[in-house]
Amino acid sequence: MITDRPYLSAMNYLLALLLPPLSIFLAGRPILGIVVFFIWIPALLFSGGLTHPMFIILAWLVIFEARNRQTRL
């Protein structure tokens, strides 16, 4: 899991800026990462990148949730 080492989860936040689906996949939500990937590519092509911030915010929320889940266990 990426949350085992704190520096890797911090790096995951930076990865979310460029590749949100991969960041979601590495945060421990592989099915959501694959679904987001198939939505992300057409959204980038049809909107010209205007929807990219929405996917970044989604990735950050998933990473934050994964970190909180790890600290509660």
Foldseek 3Di string as FASTA:
>chain_A
DQLVDVVSLVVLLVVLLPQLLVSLCVLPNVVVSVVVVVVVVVCCVVVVCPCSVVSSVVSVVSSVVSNVVVVVD
